[in-house]
Amino acid sequence: MSKTGLKQHWDSVYENKTPDQVSWTQEKLETSLKLIQDAGLPKTAKIIDIGGGDSKLVDYLLDEGYKNITVLDISAKSLDKARKRLGNKASKVTWIVSDISTFKPDTVYDLWYDRAAFHFLTLKEEIERYQTIVQNFVSDSLIIGTFSKNGPTKCSGLEISQYDEQELSKTFKNHFKKEDCFTTDHITPFNKVQNFQFCRFRKLK
């Protein structure tokens, strides 16, 4: 699928489906919050949520007192939903519309959080581009969540790449050290089980 087609795909998903009609919706993001908290960074840390869409992670981070949050997504419509939900709080967040595989950051982030965006990269050159971005624009912590080897092979009709702990660690080993890895089940709004692989890495100094 072309980059334009991909953007149109996700805009259509967010325009035509409610949160209880998409598999990735989580009301309480306990795993995500714990991983971010376990990184041990101050509330002033620069945090970016990759593929954040209209996820409520940003709501919880604001409630926890984090002050420097960026949300990136390929779909402008998803970010519009999130801004509308947050109301006045939306002005406290930096919003970026971009395909992650062509993202050109203009700042270095202390913590890079990605739940279920990285696994959509199925081409070698896209994965290498992602590796280069995090190498150059992440100063401390990298958190990645993908479908595990026991998880789905597709999401929203698109092919994905499954990972286990060893493969995720190998993907980022040149610049990041594994600190925590585990699998966990996500129950979708329509009661399907999706098994995720999460890993938290620390930048090699």
N, C-alpha and C. Protein backbone atom coordinates (compact mmCIF):
# COMPACT_ATOMS: atom_id res chain seq x y z
N MET A 1 0.85 -1.20 0.00
CA MET A 1 0.00 0.00 0.00
C MET A 1 0.88 1.25 0.00
N SER A 2 0.51 2.24 -0.82
CA SER A 2 1.29 3.46 -0.89
C SER A 2 1.14 4.26 0.40
N LYS A 3 2.03 5.24 0.59
CA LYS A 3 1.96 6.08 1.79
C LYS A 3 0.64 6.86 1.82
N THR A 4 0.21 7.32 0.66
CA THR A 4 -1.07 8.04 0.58
C THR A 4 -2.22 7.11 0.92
N GLY A 5 -2.16 5.89 0.35
CA GLY A 5 -3.21 4.92 0.63
C GLY A 5 -3.25 4.53 2.10
N LEU A 6 -2.08 4.45 2.73
CA LEU A 6 -2.00 4.10 4.14
C LEU A 6 -2.64 5.18 5.00
N LYS A 7 -2.34 6.42 4.67
CA LYS A 7 -2.93 7.55 5.42
C LYS A 7 -4.46 7.55 5.26
N GLN A 8 -4.92 7.32 4.04
CA GLN A 8 -6.36 7.29 3.79
C GLN A 8 -7.02 6.13 4.54
N HIS A 9 -6.32 4.99 4.60
CA HIS A 9 -6.83 3.83 5.33
C HIS A 9 -7.09 4.18 6.79
N TRP A 10 -6.08 4.78 7.44
CA TRP A 10 -6.22 5.08 8.86
C TRP A 10 -7.18 6.23 9.13
N ASP A 11 -7.21 7.22 8.25
CA ASP A 11 -8.20 8.29 8.40
C ASP A 11 -9.61 7.72 8.33
N SER A 12 -9.82 6.77 7.42
CA SER A 12 -11.13 6.16 7.27
C SER A 12 -11.51 5.36 8.52
N VAL A 13 -10.53 4.63 9.07
CA VAL A 13 -10.79 3.86 10.30
C VAL A 13 -11.25 4.77 11.42
N TYR A 14 -10.51 5.85 11.63
CA TYR A 14 -10.83 6.75 12.75
C TYR A 14 -12.09 7.58 12.49
N GLU A 15 -12.39 7.82 11.22
CA GLU A 15 -13.58 8.60 10.90
C GLU A 15 -14.86 7.77 11.03
N ASN A 16 -14.75 6.49 10.73
CA ASN A 16 -15.96 5.67 10.60
C ASN A 16 -16.19 4.68 11.75
N LYS A 17 -15.21 4.55 12.63
CA LYS A 17 -15.36 3.60 13.73
C LYS A 17 -15.23 4.29 15.08
N THR A 18 -16.02 3.82 16.04
CA THR A 18 -15.93 4.32 17.40
C THR A 18 -14.87 3.51 18.15
N PRO A 19 -14.40 4.00 19.31
CA PRO A 19 -13.38 3.26 20.05
C PRO A 19 -13.75 1.81 20.37
N ASP A 20 -15.04 1.54 20.58
CA ASP A 20 -15.42 0.16 20.91
C ASP A 20 -15.53 -0.73 19.67
N GLN A 21 -15.20 -0.17 18.50
CA GLN A 21 -15.22 -0.95 17.26
C GLN A 21 -13.82 -1.23 16.72
N VAL A 22 -12.79 -0.79 17.45
CA VAL A 22 -11.41 -1.05 17.01
C VAL A 22 -10.69 -1.85 18.09
N SER A 23 -9.82 -2.74 17.66
CA SER A 23 -9.26 -3.75 18.57
C SER A 23 -8.30 -3.17 19.60
N TRP A 24 -7.65 -2.04 19.28
CA TRP A 24 -6.57 -1.57 20.13
C TRP A 24 -7.04 -0.73 21.33
N THR A 25 -8.31 -0.44 21.40
CA THR A 25 -8.82 0.42 22.48
C THR A 25 -8.56 -0.21 23.85
N GLN A 26 -8.04 0.62 24.76
CA GLN A 26 -7.86 0.24 26.16
C GLN A 26 -8.40 1.37 27.02
N GLU A 27 -9.23 1.04 27.99
CA GLU A 27 -9.77 2.07 28.87
C GLU A 27 -8.76 2.41 29.96
N LYS A 28 -8.13 1.39 30.51
CA LYS A 28 -7.11 1.59 31.55
C LYS A 28 -5.79 1.04 31.05
N LEU A 29 -4.81 1.92 30.88
CA LEU A 29 -3.55 1.52 30.26
C LEU A 29 -2.50 1.20 31.32
N GLU A 30 -2.79 0.19 32.14
CA GLU A 30 -1.92 -0.13 33.27
C GLU A 30 -0.53 -0.57 32.83
N THR A 31 -0.46 -1.43 31.80
CA THR A 31 0.84 -1.91 31.32
C THR A 31 1.68 -0.76 30.79
N SER A 32 1.07 0.08 30.00
CA SER A 32 1.78 1.22 29.40
C SER A 32 2.31 2.15 30.48
N LEU A 33 1.47 2.49 31.43
CA LEU A 33 1.86 3.42 32.48
C LEU A 33 2.98 2.84 33.35
N LYS A 34 2.88 1.55 33.65
CA LYS A 34 3.92 0.94 34.48
C LYS A 34 5.27 0.93 33.77
N LEU A 35 5.26 0.62 32.48
CA LEU A 35 6.50 0.63 31.72
C LEU A 35 7.14 2.02 31.71
N ILE A 36 6.32 3.03 31.52
CA ILE A 36 6.83 4.40 31.50
C ILE A 36 7.33 4.80 32.88
N GLN A 37 6.58 4.47 33.91
CA GLN A 37 7.01 4.79 35.28
C GLN A 37 8.29 4.05 35.65
N ASP A 38 8.41 2.79 35.21
CA ASP A 38 9.59 1.99 35.52
C ASP A 38 10.86 2.53 34.88
N ALA A 39 10.71 3.35 33.84
CA ALA A 39 11.88 3.97 33.23
C ALA A 39 12.55 4.94 34.19
N GLY A 40 11.79 5.43 35.18
CA GLY A 40 12.36 6.25 36.24
C GLY A 40 12.76 7.65 35.83
N LEU A 41 12.10 8.19 34.82
CA LEU A 41 12.43 9.52 34.34
C LEU A 41 11.61 10.59 35.07
N PRO A 42 12.11 11.82 35.14
CA PRO A 42 11.36 12.89 35.81
C PRO A 42 10.12 13.28 35.01
N LYS A 43 9.20 13.96 35.66
CA LYS A 43 7.95 14.37 35.02
C LYS A 43 8.18 15.40 33.91
N THR A 44 9.37 15.97 33.86
CA THR A 44 9.71 16.93 32.80
C THR A 44 10.31 16.25 31.57
N ALA A 45 10.47 14.93 31.62
CA ALA A 45 11.08 14.20 30.50
C ALA A 45 10.28 14.38 29.21
N LYS A 46 10.99 14.43 28.09
CA LYS A 46 10.34 14.53 26.79
C LYS A 46 9.89 13.13 26.37
N ILE A 47 8.58 12.95 26.28
CA ILE A 47 7.99 11.64 25.96
C ILE A 47 7.24 11.74 24.64
N ILE A 48 7.45 10.76 23.76
CA ILE A 48 6.67 10.72 22.52
C ILE A 48 5.94 9.38 22.43
N ASP A 49 4.66 9.44 22.10
CA ASP A 49 3.81 8.26 21.92
C ASP A 49 3.65 8.05 20.42
N ILE A 50 4.29 7.00 19.90
CA ILE A 50 4.30 6.73 18.46
C ILE A 50 3.04 5.96 18.08
N GLY A 51 2.31 6.47 17.08
CA GLY A 51 1.07 5.83 16.67
C GLY A 51 0.00 5.94 17.75
N GLY A 52 0.05 7.01 18.52
CA GLY A 52 -0.84 7.18 19.66
C GLY A 52 -2.30 7.32 19.30
N GLY A 53 -2.59 7.83 18.10
CA GLY A 53 -3.98 7.97 17.67
C GLY A 53 -4.82 8.69 18.70
N ASP A 54 -6.00 8.14 18.98
CA ASP A 54 -6.84 8.75 20.01
C ASP A 54 -6.78 7.95 21.31
N SER A 55 -5.64 7.26 21.52
CA SER A 55 -5.43 6.52 22.77
C SER A 55 -5.51 7.46 23.97
N LYS A 56 -5.95 6.91 25.10
CA LYS A 56 -6.06 7.70 26.32
C LYS A 56 -4.77 7.72 27.13
N LEU A 57 -3.68 7.19 26.56
CA LEU A 57 -2.41 7.24 27.28
C LEU A 57 -2.04 8.68 27.61
N VAL A 58 -2.24 9.57 26.67
CA VAL A 58 -1.89 10.97 26.91
C VAL A 58 -2.70 11.55 28.06
N ASP A 59 -3.96 11.16 28.20
CA ASP A 59 -4.80 11.63 29.31
C ASP A 59 -4.18 11.23 30.64
N TYR A 60 -3.78 9.95 30.72
CA TYR A 60 -3.22 9.44 31.97
C TYR A 60 -1.86 10.07 32.27
N LEU A 61 -1.06 10.29 31.24
CA LEU A 61 0.25 10.93 31.45
C LEU A 61 0.07 12.35 31.97
N LEU A 62 -0.88 13.07 31.42
CA LEU A 62 -1.15 14.41 31.92
C LEU A 62 -1.63 14.37 33.38
N ASP A 63 -2.51 13.41 33.68
CA ASP A 63 -3.00 13.26 35.05
C ASP A 63 -1.88 12.91 36.02
N GLU A 64 -0.87 12.18 35.51
CA GLU A 64 0.27 11.79 36.36
C GLU A 64 1.27 12.93 36.53
N GLY A 65 1.06 14.02 35.79
CA GLY A 65 1.92 15.19 35.95
C GLY A 65 3.05 15.33 34.96
N TYR A 66 3.07 14.46 33.93
CA TYR A 66 4.09 14.61 32.89
C TYR A 66 3.80 15.87 32.09
N LYS A 67 4.86 16.61 31.79
CA LYS A 67 4.67 17.97 31.27
C LYS A 67 5.16 18.18 29.84
N ASN A 68 5.78 17.15 29.26
CA ASN A 68 6.39 17.35 27.94
C ASN A 68 6.06 16.17 27.04
N ILE A 69 4.81 16.12 26.59
CA ILE A 69 4.29 14.95 25.86
C ILE A 69 4.04 15.29 24.39
N THR A 70 4.46 14.39 23.52
CA THR A 70 4.18 14.50 22.09
C THR A 70 3.43 13.24 21.66
N VAL A 71 2.41 13.41 20.83
CA VAL A 71 1.69 12.27 20.26
C VAL A 71 1.81 12.34 18.75
N LEU A 72 2.28 11.24 18.14
CA LEU A 72 2.44 11.16 16.69
C LEU A 72 1.51 10.10 16.13
N ASP A 73 0.88 10.41 15.01
CA ASP A 73 0.08 9.41 14.30
C ASP A 73 -0.01 9.79 12.83
N ILE A 74 -0.16 8.77 11.99
CA ILE A 74 -0.30 9.01 10.55
C ILE A 74 -1.64 9.65 10.22
N SER A 75 -2.63 9.46 11.11
CA SER A 75 -3.98 9.93 10.85
C SER A 75 -4.28 11.24 11.58
N ALA A 76 -4.51 12.29 10.82
CA ALA A 76 -4.90 13.58 11.41
C ALA A 76 -6.24 13.45 12.12
N LYS A 77 -7.11 12.62 11.59
CA LYS A 77 -8.44 12.47 12.19
C LYS A 77 -8.36 11.84 13.58
N SER A 78 -7.41 10.92 13.77
CA SER A 78 -7.25 10.31 15.09
C SER A 78 -6.80 11.34 16.12
N LEU A 79 -5.89 12.21 15.72
CA LEU A 79 -5.40 13.23 16.64
C LEU A 79 -6.47 14.29 16.90
N ASP A 80 -7.29 14.56 15.91
CA ASP A 80 -8.41 15.49 16.11
C ASP A 80 -9.36 14.96 17.19
N LYS A 81 -9.60 13.65 17.16
CA LYS A 81 -10.46 13.03 18.17
C LYS A 81 -9.85 13.19 19.56
N ALA A 82 -8.55 12.95 19.66
CA ALA A 82 -7.88 13.05 20.95
C ALA A 82 -7.90 14.48 21.46
N ARG A 83 -7.65 15.44 20.58
CA ARG A 83 -7.67 16.86 21.00
C ARG A 83 -9.05 17.26 21.48
N LYS A 84 -10.06 16.81 20.77
CA LYS A 84 -11.44 17.14 21.15
C LYS A 84 -11.77 16.55 22.52
N ARG A 85 -11.33 15.32 22.75
CA ARG A 85 -11.59 14.68 24.03
C ARG A 85 -10.91 15.42 25.19
N LEU A 86 -9.68 15.89 24.94
CA LEU A 86 -8.91 16.54 26.00
C LEU A 86 -9.36 17.97 26.27
N GLY A 87 -10.01 18.60 25.28
CA GLY A 87 -10.47 19.97 25.49
C GLY A 87 -9.30 20.91 25.71
N ASN A 88 -9.36 21.72 26.76
CA ASN A 88 -8.31 22.71 27.03
C ASN A 88 -6.95 22.07 27.29
N LYS A 89 -6.95 20.83 27.79
CA LYS A 89 -5.69 20.15 28.09
C LYS A 89 -4.89 19.86 26.82
N ALA A 90 -5.56 19.84 25.67
CA ALA A 90 -4.87 19.51 24.42
C ALA A 90 -3.73 20.47 24.11
N SER A 91 -3.84 21.70 24.61
CA SER A 91 -2.80 22.69 24.35
C SER A 91 -1.49 22.37 25.08
N LYS A 92 -1.56 21.45 26.03
CA LYS A 92 -0.35 21.05 26.77
C LYS A 92 0.45 19.97 26.03
N VAL A 93 -0.09 19.50 24.91
CA VAL A 93 0.51 18.38 24.17
C VAL A 93 0.96 18.85 22.79
N THR A 94 2.07 18.31 22.31
CA THR A 94 2.51 18.53 20.93
C THR A 94 1.95 17.42 20.07
N TRP A 95 1.29 17.79 18.97
CA TRP A 95 0.64 16.82 18.09
C TRP A 95 1.36 16.81 16.74
N ILE A 96 1.72 15.62 16.26
CA ILE A 96 2.44 15.50 14.99
C ILE A 96 1.72 14.50 14.09
N VAL A 97 1.38 14.93 12.88
CA VAL A 97 0.82 14.03 11.88
C VAL A 97 1.96 13.57 10.97
N SER A 98 2.29 12.28 11.04
CA SER A 98 3.39 11.76 10.23
C SER A 98 3.35 10.24 10.18
N ASP A 99 3.76 9.69 9.07
CA ASP A 99 4.05 8.26 8.95
C ASP A 99 5.37 8.03 9.67
N ILE A 100 5.43 7.07 10.57
CA ILE A 100 6.64 6.87 11.36
C ILE A 100 7.84 6.53 10.48
N SER A 101 7.61 5.86 9.35
CA SER A 101 8.73 5.45 8.51
C SER A 101 9.37 6.63 7.76
N THR A 102 8.68 7.78 7.75
CA THR A 102 9.25 8.97 7.09
C THR A 102 9.37 10.14 8.08
N PHE A 103 9.19 9.86 9.36
CA PHE A 103 9.25 10.89 10.40
C PHE A 103 10.66 11.49 10.49
N LYS A 104 10.72 12.82 10.54
CA LYS A 104 12.00 13.51 10.69
C LYS A 104 11.93 14.37 11.95
N PRO A 105 12.32 13.81 13.10
CA PRO A 105 12.23 14.55 14.36
C PRO A 105 13.08 15.81 14.35
N ASP A 106 12.64 16.80 15.10
CA ASP A 106 13.45 18.00 15.27
C ASP A 106 13.86 18.18 16.73
N THR A 107 13.66 17.12 17.52
CA THR A 107 14.06 17.14 18.93
C THR A 107 14.47 15.74 19.34
N VAL A 108 15.25 15.63 20.40
CA VAL A 108 15.64 14.34 20.97
C VAL A 108 14.71 14.04 22.14
N TYR A 109 14.16 12.84 22.14
CA TYR A 109 13.20 12.45 23.18
C TYR A 109 13.88 11.60 24.25
N ASP A 110 13.50 11.83 25.49
CA ASP A 110 14.02 11.02 26.59
C ASP A 110 13.40 9.63 26.59
N LEU A 111 12.13 9.57 26.23
CA LEU A 111 11.42 8.29 26.22
C LEU A 111 10.57 8.17 24.96
N TRP A 112 10.76 7.09 24.27
CA TRP A 112 10.04 6.78 23.03
C TRP A 112 9.14 5.58 23.31
N TYR A 113 7.83 5.79 23.22
CA TYR A 113 6.86 4.73 23.53
C TYR A 113 6.10 4.36 22.25
N ASP A 114 6.06 3.07 21.95
CA ASP A 114 5.42 2.61 20.72
C ASP A 114 4.66 1.31 21.01
N ARG A 115 3.36 1.42 21.13
CA ARG A 115 2.51 0.23 21.27
C ARG A 115 1.79 0.01 19.95
N ALA A 116 2.26 -0.98 19.20
CA ALA A 116 1.57 -1.46 17.99
C ALA A 116 1.66 -0.52 16.79
N ALA A 117 2.75 0.24 16.70
CA ALA A 117 3.04 0.94 15.44
C ALA A 117 4.20 0.25 14.72
N PHE A 118 5.26 -0.07 15.49
CA PHE A 118 6.44 -0.69 14.89
C PHE A 118 6.11 -1.97 14.13
N HIS A 119 5.16 -2.76 14.64
CA HIS A 119 4.92 -4.05 13.98
C HIS A 119 4.24 -3.91 12.62
N PHE A 120 3.79 -2.71 12.26
CA PHE A 120 3.25 -2.49 10.91
C PHE A 120 4.37 -2.33 9.87
N LEU A 121 5.60 -2.17 10.33
CA LEU A 121 6.72 -2.04 9.39
C LEU A 121 7.17 -3.44 8.99
N THR A 122 6.92 -3.80 7.76
CA THR A 122 7.21 -5.16 7.29
C THR A 122 8.35 -5.19 6.26
N LEU A 123 8.78 -4.02 5.80
CA LEU A 123 9.87 -3.96 4.82
C LEU A 123 11.19 -3.66 5.51
N LYS A 124 12.25 -4.30 5.05
CA LYS A 124 13.57 -4.15 5.66
C LYS A 124 14.01 -2.69 5.74
N GLU A 125 13.77 -1.95 4.66
CA GLU A 125 14.21 -0.55 4.65
C GLU A 125 13.44 0.31 5.64
N GLU A 126 12.15 -0.02 5.87
CA GLU A 126 11.37 0.72 6.86
C GLU A 126 11.87 0.45 8.28
N ILE A 127 12.18 -0.81 8.55
CA ILE A 127 12.70 -1.17 9.87
C ILE A 127 14.06 -0.52 10.11
N GLU A 128 14.91 -0.51 9.09
CA GLU A 128 16.22 0.13 9.24
C GLU A 128 16.09 1.63 9.45
N ARG A 129 15.13 2.25 8.78
CA ARG A 129 14.88 3.68 8.98
C ARG A 129 14.43 3.94 10.41
N TYR A 130 13.56 3.09 10.94
CA TYR A 130 13.09 3.21 12.32
C TYR A 130 14.27 3.09 13.29
N GLN A 131 15.13 2.10 13.04
CA GLN A 131 16.31 1.91 13.88
C GLN A 131 17.18 3.17 13.90
N THR A 132 17.34 3.78 12.75
CA THR A 132 18.16 4.98 12.64
C THR A 132 17.54 6.15 13.41
N ILE A 133 16.21 6.28 13.31
CA ILE A 133 15.53 7.36 14.02
C ILE A 133 15.71 7.23 15.52
N VAL A 134 15.46 6.03 16.08
CA VAL A 134 15.57 5.89 17.53
C VAL A 134 17.02 5.99 17.99
N GLN A 135 17.94 5.56 17.15
CA GLN A 135 19.36 5.69 17.49
C GLN A 135 19.73 7.16 17.68
N ASN A 136 19.23 8.00 16.80
CA ASN A 136 19.63 9.41 16.78
C ASN A 136 18.76 10.33 17.61
N PHE A 137 17.53 9.89 17.91
CA PHE A 137 16.60 10.82 18.55
C PHE A 137 15.98 10.30 19.84
N VAL A 138 16.58 9.27 20.43
CA VAL A 138 16.17 8.80 21.76
C VAL A 138 17.39 8.83 22.67
N SER A 139 17.28 9.54 23.79
CA SER A 139 18.44 9.71 24.66
C SER A 139 18.48 8.72 25.81
N ASP A 140 17.33 8.12 26.19
CA ASP A 140 17.33 7.28 27.38
C ASP A 140 16.55 5.98 27.21
N SER A 141 15.23 6.05 27.09
CA SER A 141 14.39 4.85 27.15
C SER A 141 13.59 4.63 25.87
N LEU A 142 13.52 3.35 25.47
CA LEU A 142 12.75 2.93 24.31
C LEU A 142 11.82 1.81 24.75
N ILE A 143 10.52 2.00 24.55
CA ILE A 143 9.52 1.00 24.91
C ILE A 143 8.76 0.60 23.66
N ILE A 144 8.79 -0.70 23.35
CA ILE A 144 8.16 -1.22 22.14
C ILE A 144 7.17 -2.31 22.51
N GLY A 145 5.96 -2.23 21.97
CA GLY A 145 4.97 -3.29 22.12
C GLY A 145 4.49 -3.74 20.75
N THR A 146 4.58 -5.03 20.46
CA THR A 146 4.15 -5.59 19.17
C THR A 146 3.29 -6.82 19.42
N PHE A 147 2.63 -7.29 18.39
CA PHE A 147 2.00 -8.60 18.49
C PHE A 147 3.10 -9.65 18.66
N SER A 148 2.86 -10.59 19.57
CA SER A 148 3.83 -11.65 19.81
C SER A 148 3.68 -12.76 18.77
N LYS A 149 4.49 -13.78 18.91
CA LYS A 149 4.40 -14.94 18.03
C LYS A 149 3.08 -15.68 18.21
N ASN A 150 2.42 -15.44 19.34
CA ASN A 150 1.11 -16.05 19.60
C ASN A 150 -0.04 -15.08 19.34
N GLY A 151 0.31 -13.91 18.79
CA GLY A 151 -0.70 -12.90 18.53
C GLY A 151 -1.21 -12.96 17.10
N PRO A 152 -2.04 -11.98 16.72
CA PRO A 152 -2.59 -11.93 15.36
C PRO A 152 -1.50 -11.72 14.31
N THR A 153 -1.81 -12.06 13.09
CA THR A 153 -0.89 -11.83 11.97
C THR A 153 -1.30 -10.59 11.17
N LYS A 154 -2.46 -10.03 11.49
CA LYS A 154 -2.93 -8.82 10.84
C LYS A 154 -3.58 -7.90 11.87
N CYS A 155 -3.65 -6.62 11.52
CA CYS A 155 -4.38 -5.66 12.34
C CYS A 155 -5.04 -4.66 11.41
N SER A 156 -6.32 -4.45 11.60
CA SER A 156 -7.09 -3.53 10.74
C SER A 156 -6.93 -3.87 9.27
N GLY A 157 -6.83 -5.16 8.97
CA GLY A 157 -6.72 -5.62 7.59
C GLY A 157 -5.33 -5.53 7.00
N LEU A 158 -4.34 -5.07 7.79
CA LEU A 158 -2.97 -4.91 7.29
C LEU A 158 -2.05 -5.98 7.87
N GLU A 159 -1.10 -6.42 7.06
CA GLU A 159 -0.10 -7.38 7.53
C GLU A 159 0.78 -6.72 8.59
N ILE A 160 1.21 -7.53 9.56
CA ILE A 160 2.14 -7.03 10.58
C ILE A 160 3.30 -8.01 10.73
N SER A 161 4.32 -7.60 11.48
CA SER A 161 5.45 -8.47 11.80
C SER A 161 5.36 -8.85 13.26
N GLN A 162 5.30 -10.15 13.55
CA GLN A 162 5.28 -10.63 14.93
C GLN A 162 6.71 -10.66 15.48
N TYR A 163 6.83 -10.46 16.79
CA TYR A 163 8.15 -10.49 17.44
C TYR A 163 8.08 -11.28 18.74
N ASP A 164 9.23 -11.85 19.11
CA ASP A 164 9.39 -12.37 20.46
C ASP A 164 10.50 -11.56 21.13
N GLU A 165 10.80 -11.89 22.38
CA GLU A 165 11.79 -11.13 23.15
C GLU A 165 13.15 -11.11 22.45
N GLN A 166 13.57 -12.25 21.94
CA GLN A 166 14.89 -12.34 21.31
C GLN A 166 14.97 -11.47 20.06
N GLU A 167 13.92 -11.51 19.25
CA GLU A 167 13.94 -10.74 17.99
C GLU A 167 13.89 -9.24 18.24
N LEU A 168 13.07 -8.82 19.20
CA LEU A 168 13.03 -7.38 19.51
C LEU A 168 14.38 -6.92 20.06
N SER A 169 14.95 -7.72 20.95
CA SER A 169 16.24 -7.36 21.53
C SER A 169 17.32 -7.27 20.45
N LYS A 170 17.30 -8.23 19.52
CA LYS A 170 18.28 -8.24 18.43
C LYS A 170 18.10 -7.02 17.51
N THR A 171 16.85 -6.62 17.30
CA THR A 171 16.57 -5.49 16.41
C THR A 171 17.21 -4.20 16.91
N PHE A 172 17.26 -4.02 18.23
CA PHE A 172 17.73 -2.75 18.78
C PHE A 172 19.04 -2.88 19.57
N LYS A 173 19.69 -4.05 19.51
CA LYS A 173 20.82 -4.33 20.40
C LYS A 173 22.03 -3.44 20.15
N ASN A 174 22.20 -2.88 18.96
CA ASN A 174 23.38 -2.07 18.66
C ASN A 174 23.42 -0.78 19.46
N HIS A 175 22.24 -0.30 19.90
CA HIS A 175 22.20 0.98 20.58
C HIS A 175 21.40 0.98 21.87
N PHE A 176 20.71 -0.14 22.17
CA PHE A 176 19.87 -0.21 23.37
C PHE A 176 20.06 -1.53 24.09
N LYS A 177 20.06 -1.46 25.42
CA LYS A 177 20.15 -2.64 26.26
C LYS A 177 18.78 -3.00 26.82
N LYS A 178 18.42 -4.27 26.71
CA LYS A 178 17.13 -4.74 27.23
C LYS A 178 17.11 -4.64 28.75
N GLU A 179 16.03 -4.06 29.29
CA GLU A 179 15.87 -3.98 30.74
C GLU A 179 14.68 -4.80 31.23
N ASP A 180 13.66 -4.96 30.39
CA ASP A 180 12.47 -5.68 30.81
C ASP A 180 11.73 -6.16 29.57
N CYS A 181 11.32 -7.42 29.55
CA CYS A 181 10.53 -7.96 28.44
C CYS A 181 9.49 -8.93 29.00
N PHE A 182 8.31 -8.90 28.45
CA PHE A 182 7.26 -9.83 28.88
C PHE A 182 6.16 -9.85 27.82
N THR A 183 5.33 -10.89 27.89
CA THR A 183 4.14 -10.94 27.04
C THR A 183 2.91 -10.72 27.92
N THR A 184 1.86 -10.21 27.31
CA THR A 184 0.63 -9.95 28.04
C THR A 184 -0.55 -10.01 27.07
N ASP A 185 -1.69 -10.42 27.57
CA ASP A 185 -2.89 -10.49 26.74
C ASP A 185 -3.66 -9.17 26.80
N HIS A 186 -4.04 -8.69 25.64
CA HIS A 186 -4.95 -7.54 25.53
C HIS A 186 -6.31 -8.07 25.11
N ILE A 187 -7.34 -7.73 25.85
CA ILE A 187 -8.70 -8.12 25.50
C ILE A 187 -9.35 -6.97 24.74
N THR A 188 -9.74 -7.22 23.51
CA THR A 188 -10.33 -6.17 22.68
C THR A 188 -11.74 -5.83 23.18
N PRO A 189 -12.29 -4.69 22.73
CA PRO A 189 -13.66 -4.34 23.12
C PRO A 189 -14.69 -5.39 22.72
N PHE A 190 -14.34 -6.24 21.74
CA PHE A 190 -15.28 -7.29 21.33
C PHE A 190 -14.80 -8.67 21.81
N ASN A 191 -14.05 -8.65 22.93
CA ASN A 191 -13.68 -9.87 23.67
C ASN A 191 -12.81 -10.87 22.90
N LYS A 192 -11.96 -10.36 22.03
CA LYS A 192 -10.94 -11.20 21.39
C LYS A 192 -9.63 -11.01 22.16
N VAL A 193 -8.85 -12.08 22.24
CA VAL A 193 -7.58 -12.01 22.96
C VAL A 193 -6.44 -11.76 21.96
N GLN A 194 -5.62 -10.75 22.24
CA GLN A 194 -4.44 -10.46 21.43
C GLN A 194 -3.22 -10.52 22.34
N ASN A 195 -2.27 -11.37 22.02
CA ASN A 195 -1.07 -11.49 22.83
C ASN A 195 0.01 -10.53 22.33
N PHE A 196 0.51 -9.70 23.24
CA PHE A 196 1.51 -8.69 22.93
C PHE A 196 2.86 -9.06 23.53
N GLN A 197 3.92 -8.65 22.84
CA GLN A 197 5.27 -8.70 23.36
C GLN A 197 5.70 -7.26 23.67
N PHE A 198 6.06 -6.99 24.91
CA PHE A 198 6.57 -5.68 25.29
C PHE A 198 8.03 -5.80 25.71
N CYS A 199 8.83 -4.80 25.35
CA CYS A 199 10.21 -4.70 25.84
C CYS A 199 10.53 -3.25 26.16
N ARG A 200 11.25 -3.07 27.26
CA ARG A 200 11.75 -1.73 27.61
C ARG A 200 13.26 -1.77 27.56
N PHE A 201 13.83 -0.83 26.82
CA PHE A 201 15.28 -0.76 26.61
C PHE A 201 15.85 0.55 27.16
N ARG A 202 17.15 0.50 27.48
CA ARG A 202 17.87 1.71 27.90
C ARG A 202 18.98 1.99 26.88
N LYS A 203 19.12 3.25 26.54
CA LYS A 203 20.14 3.63 25.54
C LYS A 203 21.54 3.32 26.07
N LEU A 204 22.35 2.70 25.22
CA LEU A 204 23.74 2.45 25.57
C LEU A 204 24.50 3.77 25.53
N LYS A 205 25.27 4.02 26.54
CA LYS A 205 26.01 5.28 26.63
C LYS A 205 27.40 5.13 26.03
